[in-house]
N, C-alpha and C. Protein backbone atom coordinates (compact mmCIF):
# COMPACT_ATOMS: atom_id res chain seq x y z
N UNK A 1 0.85 -1.16 0.00
CA UNK A 1 0.00 0.00 0.00
C UNK A 1 0.90 1.23 0.00
N UNK A 2 0.73 2.04 -0.98
CA UNK A 2 1.39 3.34 -1.06
C UNK A 2 0.29 4.33 -1.34
N UNK A 3 -0.03 5.15 -0.36
CA UNK A 3 -1.21 5.99 -0.51
C UNK A 3 -1.07 7.30 0.26
N UNK A 4 -1.65 8.35 -0.29
CA UNK A 4 -1.74 9.63 0.37
C UNK A 4 -3.19 9.83 0.81
N UNK A 5 -3.39 10.04 2.09
CA UNK A 5 -4.72 10.25 2.65
C UNK A 5 -4.92 11.72 2.95
N UNK A 6 -6.06 12.26 2.55
CA UNK A 6 -6.42 13.64 2.89
C UNK A 6 -7.07 13.64 4.26
N UNK A 7 -6.78 14.65 5.05
CA UNK A 7 -7.36 14.75 6.39
C UNK A 7 -8.53 15.72 6.45
N UNK A 8 -9.11 16.00 5.31
CA UNK A 8 -10.32 16.81 5.27
C UNK A 8 -11.28 16.20 4.25
N UNK A 9 -12.58 16.31 4.55
CA UNK A 9 -13.59 15.70 3.69
C UNK A 9 -14.87 16.49 3.83
N UNK A 10 -15.67 16.52 2.77
CA UNK A 10 -16.92 17.28 2.77
C UNK A 10 -17.92 16.72 3.78
N UNK A 11 -18.02 15.41 3.86
CA UNK A 11 -19.09 14.78 4.63
C UNK A 11 -18.68 14.30 6.01
N UNK A 12 -17.39 14.12 6.26
CA UNK A 12 -16.96 13.53 7.52
C UNK A 12 -16.16 14.53 8.36
N UNK A 13 -16.39 14.47 9.67
CA UNK A 13 -15.60 15.25 10.60
C UNK A 13 -14.19 14.66 10.66
N UNK A 14 -13.17 15.45 10.99
CA UNK A 14 -11.79 14.94 11.00
C UNK A 14 -11.59 13.71 11.89
N UNK A 15 -12.19 13.68 13.06
CA UNK A 15 -12.02 12.53 13.95
C UNK A 15 -12.62 11.27 13.34
N UNK A 16 -13.76 11.40 12.71
CA UNK A 16 -14.40 10.25 12.06
C UNK A 16 -13.60 9.81 10.85
N UNK A 17 -13.04 10.76 10.12
CA UNK A 17 -12.22 10.45 8.95
C UNK A 17 -10.97 9.67 9.36
N UNK A 18 -10.36 10.05 10.48
CA UNK A 18 -9.19 9.34 10.99
C UNK A 18 -9.56 7.91 11.34
N UNK A 19 -10.73 7.71 11.94
CA UNK A 19 -11.19 6.34 12.25
C UNK A 19 -11.34 5.52 10.98
N UNK A 20 -11.88 6.11 9.93
CA UNK A 20 -12.04 5.40 8.66
C UNK A 20 -10.68 5.03 8.05
N UNK A 21 -9.72 5.93 8.15
CA UNK A 21 -8.38 5.68 7.60
C UNK A 21 -7.71 4.55 8.39
N UNK A 22 -7.79 4.61 9.72
CA UNK A 22 -7.19 3.56 10.54
C UNK A 22 -7.82 2.20 10.24
N UNK A 23 -9.12 2.19 10.03
CA UNK A 23 -9.81 0.94 9.70
C UNK A 23 -9.34 0.39 8.36
N UNK A 24 -9.17 1.25 7.37
CA UNK A 24 -8.68 0.81 6.06
C UNK A 24 -7.27 0.21 6.17
N UNK A 25 -6.42 0.83 6.96
CA UNK A 25 -5.06 0.32 7.14
C UNK A 25 -5.08 -1.02 7.86
N UNK A 26 -5.92 -1.13 8.88
CA UNK A 26 -6.04 -2.39 9.62
C UNK A 26 -6.54 -3.52 8.71
N UNK A 27 -7.51 -3.21 7.85
CA UNK A 27 -8.01 -4.21 6.91
C UNK A 27 -6.91 -4.65 5.95
N UNK A 28 -6.10 -3.71 5.49
CA UNK A 28 -5.01 -4.05 4.58
C UNK A 28 -4.00 -4.97 5.26
N UNK A 29 -3.61 -4.64 6.49
CA UNK A 29 -2.65 -5.46 7.22
C UNK A 29 -3.18 -6.88 7.44
N UNK A 30 -4.44 -6.98 7.84
CA UNK A 30 -5.04 -8.31 8.05
C UNK A 30 -5.13 -9.10 6.75
N UNK A 31 -5.46 -8.44 5.66
CA UNK A 31 -5.54 -9.11 4.35
C UNK A 31 -4.17 -9.63 3.94
N UNK A 32 -3.12 -8.86 4.15
CA UNK A 32 -1.77 -9.30 3.80
C UNK A 32 -1.32 -10.46 4.68
N UNK A 33 -1.68 -10.44 5.96
CA UNK A 33 -1.29 -11.51 6.87
C UNK A 33 -1.97 -12.84 6.53
N UNK A 34 -3.13 -12.78 5.90
CA UNK A 34 -3.85 -14.01 5.53
C UNK A 34 -3.28 -14.68 4.28
N UNK A 35 -2.46 -14.00 3.52
CA UNK A 35 -1.89 -14.58 2.31
C UNK A 35 -0.97 -15.74 2.67
N UNK A 36 -0.87 -16.69 1.74
CA UNK A 36 0.01 -17.83 1.95
C UNK A 36 1.46 -17.38 1.97
N UNK A 37 2.22 -17.95 2.90
CA UNK A 37 3.63 -17.63 3.02
C UNK A 37 4.45 -18.39 1.99
N UNK A 38 5.49 -17.80 1.46
CA UNK A 38 6.40 -18.54 0.58
C UNK A 38 7.09 -19.66 1.35
N UNK A 39 7.52 -20.66 0.64
CA UNK A 39 8.19 -21.81 1.25
C UNK A 39 9.41 -21.35 2.04
N UNK A 40 9.53 -21.85 3.27
CA UNK A 40 10.71 -21.56 4.08
C UNK A 40 10.63 -20.29 4.90
N UNK A 41 9.45 -19.68 5.00
CA UNK A 41 9.30 -18.47 5.81
C UNK A 41 8.26 -18.71 6.90
N UNK A 42 8.34 -17.93 7.98
CA UNK A 42 7.48 -18.13 9.15
C UNK A 42 6.33 -17.13 9.28
N UNK A 43 6.58 -15.89 8.91
CA UNK A 43 5.57 -14.86 9.16
C UNK A 43 5.73 -13.69 8.19
N UNK A 44 4.70 -12.84 8.16
CA UNK A 44 4.76 -11.60 7.36
C UNK A 44 5.21 -10.47 8.26
N UNK A 45 6.13 -9.68 7.78
CA UNK A 45 6.53 -8.46 8.46
C UNK A 45 6.28 -7.30 7.49
N UNK A 46 6.24 -6.09 8.00
CA UNK A 46 5.89 -4.95 7.17
C UNK A 46 6.94 -3.85 7.29
N UNK A 47 7.35 -3.34 6.14
CA UNK A 47 8.23 -2.19 6.08
C UNK A 47 7.35 -0.98 5.88
N UNK A 48 7.34 -0.07 6.85
CA UNK A 48 6.41 1.06 6.83
C UNK A 48 7.17 2.38 6.79
N UNK A 49 6.59 3.32 6.07
CA UNK A 49 7.09 4.70 6.03
C UNK A 49 5.90 5.63 6.21
N UNK A 50 6.12 6.76 6.88
CA UNK A 50 5.05 7.71 7.15
C UNK A 50 5.61 9.12 7.09
N UNK A 51 4.84 10.03 6.50
CA UNK A 51 5.27 11.42 6.45
C UNK A 51 4.23 12.32 5.82
N UNK A 52 4.53 13.60 5.77
CA UNK A 52 3.62 14.57 5.18
C UNK A 52 3.53 14.38 3.66
N UNK A 53 4.61 13.87 3.07
CA UNK A 53 4.61 13.57 1.64
C UNK A 53 5.55 12.39 1.39
N UNK A 54 5.55 11.90 0.18
CA UNK A 54 6.39 10.75 -0.15
C UNK A 54 7.87 11.07 0.02
N UNK A 55 8.25 12.29 -0.28
CA UNK A 55 9.65 12.69 -0.23
C UNK A 55 10.21 12.76 1.19
N UNK A 56 9.38 13.09 2.15
CA UNK A 56 9.86 13.25 3.53
C UNK A 56 9.44 12.11 4.44
N UNK A 57 8.87 11.05 3.90
CA UNK A 57 8.41 9.93 4.71
C UNK A 57 9.58 9.22 5.36
N UNK A 58 9.41 8.86 6.63
CA UNK A 58 10.45 8.18 7.40
C UNK A 58 9.95 6.82 7.85
N UNK A 59 10.90 5.92 8.13
CA UNK A 59 10.55 4.58 8.59
C UNK A 59 9.87 4.65 9.94
N UNK A 60 8.81 3.85 10.09
CA UNK A 60 8.10 3.71 11.37
C UNK A 60 7.79 2.24 11.58
N UNK A 61 7.52 1.87 12.83
CA UNK A 61 7.09 0.53 13.14
C UNK A 61 5.59 0.42 12.89
N UNK A 62 5.13 -0.77 12.57
CA UNK A 62 3.71 -1.00 12.31
C UNK A 62 2.87 -0.61 13.53
N UNK A 63 3.37 -0.89 14.71
CA UNK A 63 2.63 -0.60 15.94
C UNK A 63 2.49 0.90 16.21
N UNK A 64 3.26 1.73 15.52
CA UNK A 64 3.24 3.17 15.77
C UNK A 64 2.44 3.95 14.73
N UNK A 65 1.85 3.27 13.77
CA UNK A 65 1.14 3.97 12.69
C UNK A 65 0.02 4.83 13.24
N UNK A 66 -0.80 4.28 14.15
CA UNK A 66 -1.93 5.05 14.68
C UNK A 66 -1.47 6.30 15.43
N UNK A 67 -0.36 6.21 16.15
CA UNK A 67 0.17 7.37 16.86
C UNK A 67 0.58 8.46 15.88
N UNK A 68 1.19 8.06 14.76
CA UNK A 68 1.61 9.04 13.76
C UNK A 68 0.41 9.68 13.07
N UNK A 69 -0.64 8.91 12.84
CA UNK A 69 -1.86 9.48 12.24
C UNK A 69 -2.47 10.50 13.19
N UNK A 70 -2.55 10.17 14.47
CA UNK A 70 -3.09 11.11 15.45
C UNK A 70 -2.24 12.38 15.54
N UNK A 71 -0.93 12.22 15.46
CA UNK A 71 -0.04 13.38 15.50
C UNK A 71 -0.21 14.26 14.27
N UNK A 72 -0.44 13.64 13.12
CA UNK A 72 -0.67 14.41 11.89
C UNK A 72 -1.97 15.21 11.99
N UNK A 73 -3.00 14.61 12.59
CA UNK A 73 -4.26 15.32 12.79
C UNK A 73 -4.08 16.48 13.77
N UNK A 74 -3.34 16.24 14.85
CA UNK A 74 -3.10 17.29 15.84
C UNK A 74 -2.28 18.44 15.27
N UNK A 75 -1.36 18.11 14.35
CA UNK A 75 -0.55 19.15 13.71
C UNK A 75 -1.27 19.81 12.54
N UNK A 76 -2.49 19.37 12.27
CA UNK A 76 -3.35 19.92 11.22
C UNK A 76 -2.73 19.83 9.84
N UNK A 77 -2.12 18.67 9.55
CA UNK A 77 -1.61 18.44 8.21
C UNK A 77 -2.79 18.31 7.26
N UNK A 78 -2.69 18.83 6.05
CA UNK A 78 -3.79 18.65 5.09
C UNK A 78 -3.91 17.21 4.60
N UNK A 79 -2.77 16.49 4.58
CA UNK A 79 -2.76 15.09 4.16
C UNK A 79 -1.48 14.43 4.68
N UNK A 80 -1.42 13.11 4.56
CA UNK A 80 -0.20 12.39 4.91
C UNK A 80 -0.02 11.23 3.96
N UNK A 81 1.23 10.78 3.85
CA UNK A 81 1.60 9.67 2.98
C UNK A 81 1.97 8.48 3.85
N UNK A 82 1.46 7.30 3.48
CA UNK A 82 1.83 6.08 4.19
C UNK A 82 2.19 5.02 3.17
N UNK A 83 3.22 4.27 3.50
CA UNK A 83 3.68 3.18 2.64
C UNK A 83 3.84 1.95 3.53
N UNK A 84 3.15 0.88 3.18
CA UNK A 84 3.25 -0.37 3.92
C UNK A 84 3.52 -1.47 2.90
N UNK A 85 4.69 -2.09 3.02
CA UNK A 85 5.08 -3.16 2.11
C UNK A 85 5.27 -4.45 2.90
N UNK A 86 4.55 -5.50 2.50
CA UNK A 86 4.65 -6.79 3.18
C UNK A 86 5.90 -7.52 2.72
N UNK A 87 6.52 -8.22 3.68
CA UNK A 87 7.72 -8.98 3.37
C UNK A 87 7.71 -10.24 4.22
N UNK A 88 7.91 -11.39 3.58
CA UNK A 88 7.97 -12.66 4.31
C UNK A 88 9.32 -12.76 5.01
N UNK A 89 9.30 -13.29 6.25
CA UNK A 89 10.54 -13.37 7.02
C UNK A 89 10.54 -14.62 7.88
N UNK A 90 11.69 -14.90 8.45
CA UNK A 90 11.87 -16.02 9.37
C UNK A 90 12.19 -15.49 10.75
N UNK A 91 11.65 -16.16 11.77
CA UNK A 91 12.01 -15.82 13.15
C UNK A 91 13.46 -16.22 13.38
N UNK A 92 14.17 -15.39 14.08
CA UNK A 92 15.55 -15.70 14.44
C UNK A 92 15.55 -16.37 15.81
N UNK A 93 16.31 -17.43 15.98
CA UNK A 93 16.37 -18.06 17.30
C UNK A 93 16.98 -17.09 18.31
N UNK A 94 16.51 -17.17 19.55
CA UNK A 94 17.04 -16.31 20.60
C UNK A 94 18.47 -16.67 20.91
N UNK A 95 19.25 -15.67 21.23
CA UNK A 95 20.65 -15.89 21.58
C UNK A 95 20.72 -16.67 22.89
N UNK A 96 21.54 -17.70 22.91
CA UNK A 96 21.70 -18.49 24.12
C UNK A 96 20.62 -19.51 24.35
N UNK A 97 19.71 -19.68 23.41
CA UNK A 97 18.63 -20.65 23.55
C UNK A 97 18.97 -21.88 22.73
N UNK A 98 18.96 -23.03 23.37
CA UNK A 98 19.24 -24.28 22.68
C UNK A 98 17.95 -25.09 22.63
N UNK A 99 17.57 -25.56 21.47
CA UNK A 99 16.33 -26.30 21.28
C UNK A 99 16.31 -27.57 22.13
N UNK A 100 17.46 -28.17 22.41
CA UNK A 100 17.52 -29.40 23.20
C UNK A 100 17.23 -29.12 24.68
N UNK A 101 17.44 -27.91 25.14
CA UNK A 101 17.18 -27.56 26.54
C UNK A 101 15.70 -27.53 26.85
N UNK A 102 14.87 -27.39 25.84
CA UNK A 102 13.43 -27.24 26.02
C UNK A 102 12.75 -28.58 26.34
N UNK A 103 13.42 -29.66 26.09
CA UNK A 103 12.79 -30.97 26.27
C UNK A 103 12.85 -31.47 27.66
């Protein structure tokens, strides 16, 4: 998902519009997580960028997207850009953890 969202609308109040945007992003994340994983991978991870425009967008964690949207609304940005790219990955074993110790 690479999209610019406007924070103003004819029919919706800004707070309601933010709820609609958050819901759309949540639906996208859930839809991507339901896709079949490629062979040899464990889970889907997401590379996210957020900013006032595509040129100034910075990396953010998936868990921080809602905080950034709220901050954009508080700063009265006219719009914001969000980029979420799904990537299949493998869990890394914990350092110092031996699978034989678990038995």
